[in-house]
Amino acid sequence: MSEVIEKAMGSTEPRDETREALLAIVAELIDRARARGTVGQDVTTGDVNMVICGLAAVIRNAAGDWRRYIEVALDGLRPR
């Protein structure tokens, strides 16, 4: 899917209004998770973006078990 989007749009990175809307949604989800105590206080939208990009790379390159990647990544977002 990422490859198709990249070929059609030149990038898989959301731009302009789409990017801003996506970041706002991710920020809201992070705030909700903080309120529930399920993510650390220092988690940012940039952190979530890195996790998503990493997951896409693991899947695209068959670089390991994507389920394990998610486990490890989500562990890193949990409060310490």
Protein backbone atom coordinates (compact mmCIF):
# COMPACT_ATOMS: atom_id res chain seq x y z
CA MET A 1 0.00 0.00 0.00
CA SER A 2 2.80 2.40 0.90
CA GLU A 3 4.52 1.74 -2.42
CA VAL A 4 1.35 2.46 -4.41
CA ILE A 5 0.74 5.72 -2.53
CA GLU A 6 4.37 6.74 -2.98
CA LYS A 7 4.28 6.05 -6.72
CA ALA A 8 1.04 7.98 -7.17
CA MET A 9 1.82 10.91 -4.90
CA GLY A 10 5.63 10.99 -4.87
CA SER A 11 5.69 10.38 -1.12
CA THR A 12 3.84 8.55 1.62
CA GLU A 13 4.19 11.56 3.92
CA PRO A 14 0.85 13.36 4.44
CA ARG A 15 1.00 17.02 3.45
CA ASP A 16 -0.68 20.32 4.27
CA GLU A 17 -4.20 20.05 5.73
CA THR A 18 -4.08 16.27 5.76
CA ARG A 19 -0.90 16.31 7.82
CA GLU A 20 -2.29 18.85 10.27
CA ALA A 21 -5.54 16.89 10.69
CA LEU A 22 -3.65 13.64 11.23
CA LEU A 23 -1.34 15.22 13.81
CA ALA A 24 -4.35 16.67 15.65
CA ILE A 25 -6.00 13.24 15.82
CA VAL A 26 -2.80 11.58 17.03
CA ALA A 27 -2.33 14.32 19.65
CA GLU A 28 -5.89 13.76 20.89
CA LEU A 29 -5.31 10.01 21.13
CA ILE A 30 -2.08 10.59 23.05
CA ASP A 31 -3.87 12.96 25.45
CA ARG A 32 -6.57 10.34 26.09
CA ALA A 33 -3.96 7.64 26.66
CA ARG A 34 -2.06 9.92 29.07
CA ALA A 35 -5.26 10.55 31.02
CA ARG A 36 -5.74 6.79 31.35
CA GLY A 37 -2.10 6.30 32.30
CA THR A 38 -1.38 3.98 29.37
CA VAL A 39 1.37 6.06 27.74
CA GLY A 40 4.21 8.04 29.23
CA GLN A 41 3.91 11.77 29.83
CA ASP A 42 6.79 12.37 27.42
CA VAL A 43 5.22 10.61 24.40
CA THR A 44 4.83 12.92 21.39
CA THR A 45 3.18 12.80 17.98
CA GLY A 46 6.69 12.44 16.57
CA ASP A 47 7.16 9.27 18.60
CA VAL A 48 3.95 7.79 17.19
CA ASN A 49 5.03 8.78 13.68
CA MET A 50 8.36 6.98 14.17
CA VAL A 51 6.55 3.84 15.31
CA ILE A 52 4.28 3.91 12.26
CA CYS A 53 7.19 4.52 9.87
CA GLY A 54 9.17 1.74 11.50
CA LEU A 55 6.24 -0.65 11.20
CA ALA A 56 5.84 0.20 7.52
CA ALA A 57 9.55 -0.49 6.96
CA VAL A 58 9.39 -3.83 8.79
CA ILE A 59 6.42 -4.92 6.69
CA ARG A 60 7.71 -3.52 3.38
CA ASN A 61 11.15 -5.10 3.77
CA ALA A 62 10.03 -8.32 5.45
CA ALA A 63 12.55 -7.36 8.14
CA GLY A 64 11.02 -9.43 10.91
CA ASP A 65 7.79 -10.23 12.66
CA TRP A 66 5.61 -7.12 12.49
CA ARG A 67 3.61 -8.32 15.50
CA ARG A 68 6.76 -8.46 17.61
CA TYR A 69 7.75 -5.01 16.34
CA ILE A 70 4.43 -3.63 17.57
CA GLU A 71 4.89 -5.27 20.99
CA VAL A 72 8.35 -3.76 21.38
CA ALA A 73 7.29 -0.34 20.08
CA LEU A 74 4.20 -0.13 22.30
CA ASP A 75 6.29 -1.15 25.30
CA GLY A 76 8.49 1.84 24.60
CA LEU A 77 5.49 4.20 24.74
CA ARG A 78 4.23 2.93 28.11
CA PRO A 79 4.85 4.91 31.29
CA ARG A 80 8.04 4.07 33.16
